[in-house]
Amino acid sequence: MLMNSGNNGEAKLAYGPNAFRVMRPGQHVFCAVTGEAIPLEELRYWSVDRQEPYASAEIAAQRLTHPSSSGE
């Protein structure tokens, strides 16, 4: 249907301290470190300051304690 036509790909999110806001609908985002697709319903870890998602707690901790690059 027309309402679902833009929801099959990558979402654009704004990350807040307790939740994220969908700026562009989609089904997933990509981990900032591994590039792995993360379904929105499974997304639990992100950085508010960096505005980037992470696939796991371990990956988030690694990125935030050893930031090797800004990803930009």
C-alpha atoms as a PDB file:
ATOM      1  CA  MET A   1       0.000   0.000   0.000  1.00  0.00           C
ATOM      2  CA  LEU A   2       1.029   3.600  -0.409  1.00  0.00           C
ATOM      3  CA  MET A   3       1.463   4.197   3.344  1.00  0.00           C
ATOM      4  CA  ASN A   4       4.033   1.393   3.586  1.00  0.00           C
ATOM      5  CA  SER A   5       5.971   2.235   0.433  1.00  0.00           C
ATOM      6  CA  GLY A   6       8.723   4.152   2.272  1.00  0.00           C
ATOM      7  CA  ASN A   7       8.976   1.853   5.283  1.00  0.00           C
ATOM      8  CA  ASN A   8      11.068  -0.965   3.835  1.00  0.00           C
ATOM      9  CA  GLY A   9      14.545   0.530   4.077  1.00  0.00           C
ATOM     10  CA  GLU A  10      16.753   2.499   6.376  1.00  0.00           C
ATOM     11  CA  ALA A  11      15.078   4.734   8.935  1.00  0.00           C
ATOM     12  CA  LYS A  12      16.409   8.141   9.931  1.00  0.00           C
ATOM     13  CA  LEU A  13      16.248   8.651  13.697  1.00  0.00           C
ATOM     14  CA  ALA A  14      16.926  11.411  16.223  1.00  0.00           C
ATOM     15  CA  TYR A  15      18.415   9.822  19.344  1.00  0.00           C
ATOM     16  CA  GLY A  16      17.404  11.148  22.751  1.00  0.00           C
ATOM     17  CA  PRO A  17      18.502  10.109  26.253  1.00  0.00           C
ATOM     18  CA  ASN A  18      15.598   7.684  26.784  1.00  0.00           C
ATOM     19  CA  ALA A  19      14.129   7.088  23.337  1.00  0.00           C
ATOM     20  CA  PHE A  20      14.555   7.820  19.669  1.00  0.00           C
ATOM     21  CA  ARG A  21      12.262   9.754  17.354  1.00  0.00           C
ATOM     22  CA  VAL A  22      11.608   8.569  13.814  1.00  0.00           C
ATOM     23  CA  MET A  23      12.461  11.332  11.361  1.00  0.00           C
ATOM     24  CA  ARG A  24      12.089   9.153   8.252  1.00  0.00           C
ATOM     25  CA  PRO A  25      10.198   5.845   8.457  1.00  0.00           C
ATOM     26  CA  GLY A  26      12.022   2.610   7.786  1.00  0.00           C
ATOM     27  CA  GLN A  27      12.555  -0.862   9.180  1.00  0.00           C
ATOM     28  CA  HIS A  28      16.164  -0.628  10.328  1.00  0.00           C
ATOM     29  CA  VAL A  29      19.246   1.484  10.969  1.00  0.00           C
ATOM     30  CA  PHE A  30      22.882   0.484  10.494  1.00  0.00           C
ATOM     31  CA  CYS A  31      25.303   0.043  13.389  1.00  0.00           C
ATOM     32  CA  ALA A  32      27.851   2.874  13.333  1.00  0.00           C
ATOM     33  CA  VAL A  33      30.698   0.455  14.091  1.00  0.00           C
ATOM     34  CA  THR A  34      29.910  -2.816  12.305  1.00  0.00           C
ATOM     35  CA  GLY A  35      27.506  -1.694   9.584  1.00  0.00           C
ATOM     36  CA  GLU A  36      25.069  -4.415  10.674  1.00  0.00           C
ATOM     37  CA  ALA A  37      21.387  -3.710   9.999  1.00  0.00           C
ATOM     38  CA  ILE A  38      19.472  -3.307  13.280  1.00  0.00           C
ATOM     39  CA  PRO A  39      15.677  -3.676  13.108  1.00  0.00           C
ATOM     40  CA  LEU A  40      14.051  -0.752  14.940  1.00  0.00           C
ATOM     41  CA  GLU A  41      12.212  -3.100  17.294  1.00  0.00           C
ATOM     42  CA  GLU A  42      15.613  -4.486  18.402  1.00  0.00           C
ATOM     43  CA  LEU A  43      17.453  -1.163  18.717  1.00  0.00           C
ATOM     44  CA  ARG A  44      18.530  -0.654  22.345  1.00  0.00           C
ATOM     45  CA  TYR A  45      21.892   1.122  22.214  1.00  0.00           C
ATOM     46  CA  TRP A  46      22.851   4.516  20.798  1.00  0.00           C
ATOM     47  CA  SER A  47      24.814   7.661  21.535  1.00  0.00           C
ATOM     48  CA  VAL A  48      22.902  10.894  21.991  1.00  0.00           C
ATOM     49  CA  ASP A  49      26.079  12.972  21.557  1.00  0.00           C
ATOM     50  CA  ARG A  50      27.227  11.165  18.426  1.00  0.00           C
ATOM     51  CA  GLN A  51      23.679  10.515  17.125  1.00  0.00           C
ATOM     52  CA  GLU A  52      24.578   6.977  16.076  1.00  0.00           C
ATOM     53  CA  PRO A  53      23.170   3.491  16.793  1.00  0.00           C
ATOM     54  CA  TYR A  54      25.013   0.371  17.975  1.00  0.00           C
ATOM     55  CA  ALA A  55      24.170  -3.313  17.504  1.00  0.00           C
ATOM     56  CA  SER A  56      25.027  -4.363  21.092  1.00  0.00           C
ATOM     57  CA  ALA A  57      26.054  -3.096  24.501  1.00  0.00           C
ATOM     58  CA  GLU A  58      29.589  -4.386  23.925  1.00  0.00           C
ATOM     59  CA  ILE A  59      29.911  -2.495  20.647  1.00  0.00           C
ATOM     60  CA  ALA A  60      28.518   0.678  22.231  1.00  0.00           C
ATOM     61  CA  ALA A  61      30.954   0.429  25.158  1.00  0.00           C
ATOM     62  CA  GLN A  62      33.859  -0.159  22.788  1.00  0.00           C
ATOM     63  CA  ARG A  63      32.921   2.834  20.645  1.00  0.00           C
ATOM     64  CA  LEU A  64      32.342   5.170  23.566  1.00  0.00           C
ATOM     65  CA  THR A  65      35.495   4.220  25.482  1.00  0.00           C
ATOM     66  CA  HIS A  66      37.807   3.890  22.455  1.00  0.00           C
ATOM     67  CA  PRO A  67      36.529   6.265  19.785  1.00  0.00           C
ATOM     68  CA  SER A  68      38.976   5.531  16.975  1.00  0.00           C
ATOM     69  CA  SER A  69      37.108   7.704  14.493  1.00  0.00           C
ATOM     70  CA  SER A  70      34.238  10.127  14.423  1.00  0.00           C
ATOM     71  CA  GLY A  71      32.427   8.240  11.667  1.00  0.00           C
ATOM     72  CA  GLU A  72      32.149  11.456   9.637  1.00  0.00           C
END
